[in-house]
Amino acid sequence: QVQLIESGGGLVQAGGSLRLSCAASGRTSSSYAMGWFRQAPGKERDFVAGIKWSSGTTRYADSVKGRFTISRDNAKNTMYLQMNSLKPEDTAVYYCATQPTGLWISTQLEKYDYWGQGTQVTVSS
C-alpha cells in the first residue's frame, strides 16, 4: 500500500514560481518511477513530468520543458516539482502518482497505480 500526499499549491501571478511536494509512504522504493499529472477544469488529466526512482532520469511534457524541474529525495521518499515562469494555462489540479513497472517513464494514466489527492495551482494573468 502506498499513500501520496501533495502540497505546495496555491495562487501565483503569471511569471511566478511554486514548488510542489509529494510525500510518499509505503513501498515507493520498489516503484519504477513517479510522475506528476495535472487536470484543468473540463479537461483530461495530462502527464507533466516523471522521474525514475532509482536513477533520477527524467521526462517532461513539451509544454513544461525548460520551465519545470522534477526531482526526488530518496531518503525522504519525497518528489518535487519546481515550477518557474508560470502561465495562466498551467492552472490545474496537480496530482502525483507511482508507476510500479515499466521500460520507460510512461505518460499514460493507466500505467500508474497509486495517486495523491491533488493540489490546486492557480496562475493569474
Protein backbone atom coordinates (compact mmCIF):
# COMPACT_ATOMS: atom_id res chain seq x y z
CA GLN A 1 0.00 0.00 0.00
CA VAL A 2 1.27 3.48 -0.90
CA GLN A 3 0.00 6.82 0.32
CA LEU A 4 0.84 10.01 -1.56
CA ILE A 5 0.26 13.48 -0.18
CA GLU A 6 0.79 16.55 -2.37
CA SER A 7 1.42 20.03 -1.02
CA GLY A 8 2.70 23.39 -2.18
CA GLY A 9 -0.09 24.52 -4.45
CA GLY A 10 -1.55 28.00 -4.33
CA LEU A 11 -2.28 31.21 -6.17
CA VAL A 12 0.55 32.91 -8.04
CA GLN A 13 0.84 35.61 -10.67
CA ALA A 14 1.98 34.81 -14.18
CA GLY A 15 5.76 34.60 -14.30
CA GLY A 16 5.96 33.45 -10.71
CA SER A 17 7.13 30.18 -9.20
CA LEU A 18 5.82 27.40 -6.99
CA ARG A 19 7.32 24.17 -5.69
CA LEU A 20 5.08 21.18 -5.26
CA SER A 21 5.96 18.28 -2.98
CA CYS A 22 4.70 14.71 -2.98
CA ALA A 23 5.40 12.84 0.24
CA ALA A 24 5.15 9.08 -0.16
CA SER A 25 4.77 6.31 2.36
CA GLY A 26 4.81 2.59 1.70
CA ARG A 27 6.62 0.62 -0.99
CA THR A 28 7.85 3.57 -3.04
CA SER A 29 11.38 2.19 -3.14
CA SER A 30 10.15 -0.65 -5.35
CA SER A 31 8.31 1.67 -7.74
CA TYR A 32 9.86 2.08 -11.18
CA ALA A 33 9.01 5.76 -11.44
CA MET A 34 6.83 8.55 -10.14
CA GLY A 35 5.06 11.23 -12.07
CA TRP A 36 3.19 14.49 -11.92
CA PHE A 37 -0.05 14.94 -13.81
CA ARG A 38 -2.45 17.87 -13.99
CA GLN A 39 -6.11 18.33 -14.75
CA ALA A 40 -7.71 21.63 -15.69
CA PRO A 41 -11.49 22.12 -15.38
CA GLY A 42 -13.32 20.31 -18.14
CA LYS A 43 -10.14 18.73 -19.49
CA GLU A 44 -8.44 15.36 -19.28
CA ARG A 45 -5.70 14.59 -16.81
CA ASP A 46 -2.36 15.06 -18.60
CA PHE A 47 1.20 14.00 -17.95
CA VAL A 48 3.51 16.79 -16.79
CA ALA A 49 6.77 15.16 -15.71
CA GLY A 50 8.16 11.89 -14.43
CA ILE A 51 11.27 10.58 -12.75
CA LYS A 52 12.81 7.13 -12.38
CA TRP A 53 13.04 6.50 -8.68
CA SER A 54 16.42 4.73 -8.74
CA SER A 55 18.40 6.68 -11.35
CA GLY A 56 16.71 10.07 -11.31
CA THR A 57 16.23 10.05 -15.08
CA THR A 58 13.50 12.49 -16.04
CA ARG A 59 10.90 13.06 -18.72
CA TYR A 60 8.81 16.18 -19.39
CA ALA A 61 5.79 17.17 -21.39
CA ASP A 62 6.73 19.60 -24.16
CA SER A 63 4.52 22.27 -22.63
CA VAL A 64 6.66 22.50 -19.47
CA LYS A 65 10.17 21.79 -20.76
CA GLY A 66 12.60 24.47 -19.66
CA ARG A 67 10.19 25.82 -17.03
CA PHE A 68 9.50 22.88 -14.69
CA THR A 69 12.02 20.66 -12.94
CA ILE A 70 11.19 17.35 -11.31
CA SER A 71 13.41 15.89 -8.61
CA ARG A 72 13.28 13.41 -5.77
CA ASP A 73 14.84 12.84 -2.38
CA ASN A 74 15.09 9.09 -1.86
CA ALA A 75 15.93 9.42 1.81
CA LYS A 76 12.77 11.44 2.44
CA ASN A 77 10.61 9.46 0.00
CA THR A 78 9.57 12.78 -1.48
CA MET A 79 9.23 14.01 -5.04
CA TYR A 80 9.24 17.66 -6.05
CA LEU A 81 8.11 19.78 -8.96
CA GLN A 82 9.73 23.17 -9.23
CA MET A 83 7.56 25.32 -11.48
CA ASN A 84 9.02 28.57 -12.84
CA SER A 85 7.74 31.11 -15.35
CA LEU A 86 4.21 30.01 -14.64
CA LYS A 87 1.50 30.80 -17.16
CA PRO A 88 -2.29 31.02 -16.75
CA GLU A 89 -2.59 27.83 -18.79
CA ASP A 90 -0.68 25.99 -16.05
CA THR A 91 -3.73 26.41 -13.83
CA ALA A 92 -4.93 22.96 -12.80
CA VAL A 93 -5.10 20.44 -10.01
CA TYR A 94 -1.74 18.70 -9.85
CA TYR A 95 -1.50 15.04 -8.88
CA CYS A 96 1.44 12.78 -8.12
CA ALA A 97 1.34 9.07 -8.86
CA THR A 98 3.51 5.94 -8.81
CA GLN A 99 4.40 3.81 -11.83
CA PRO A 100 5.09 0.30 -10.49
CA THR A 101 6.87 -1.19 -13.51
CA GLY A 102 7.98 -0.29 -17.00
CA LEU A 103 10.75 0.17 -19.51
CA TRP A 104 10.43 3.95 -19.61
CA ILE A 105 8.59 6.70 -17.78
CA SER A 106 5.04 6.47 -19.02
CA THR A 107 2.78 9.38 -19.97
CA GLN A 108 -0.32 7.16 -19.75
CA LEU A 109 -2.58 7.37 -16.69
CA GLU A 110 -3.35 3.64 -16.72
CA LYS A 111 0.32 2.79 -16.12
CA TYR A 112 0.17 4.47 -12.70
CA ASP A 113 -1.36 2.69 -9.75
CA TYR A 114 -1.41 4.98 -6.70
CA TRP A 115 -2.49 8.63 -6.79
CA GLY A 116 -2.46 11.53 -4.39
CA GLN A 117 -5.48 13.70 -3.65
CA GLY A 118 -4.21 16.62 -5.72
CA THR A 119 -3.18 20.19 -5.01
CA GLN A 120 -4.63 23.25 -6.75
CA VAL A 121 -2.35 25.57 -8.69
CA THR A 122 -3.88 28.81 -9.93
CA VAL A 123 -1.92 31.25 -12.08
CA SER A 124 -3.44 34.67 -12.54
CA SER A 125 -2.74 36.85 -15.55
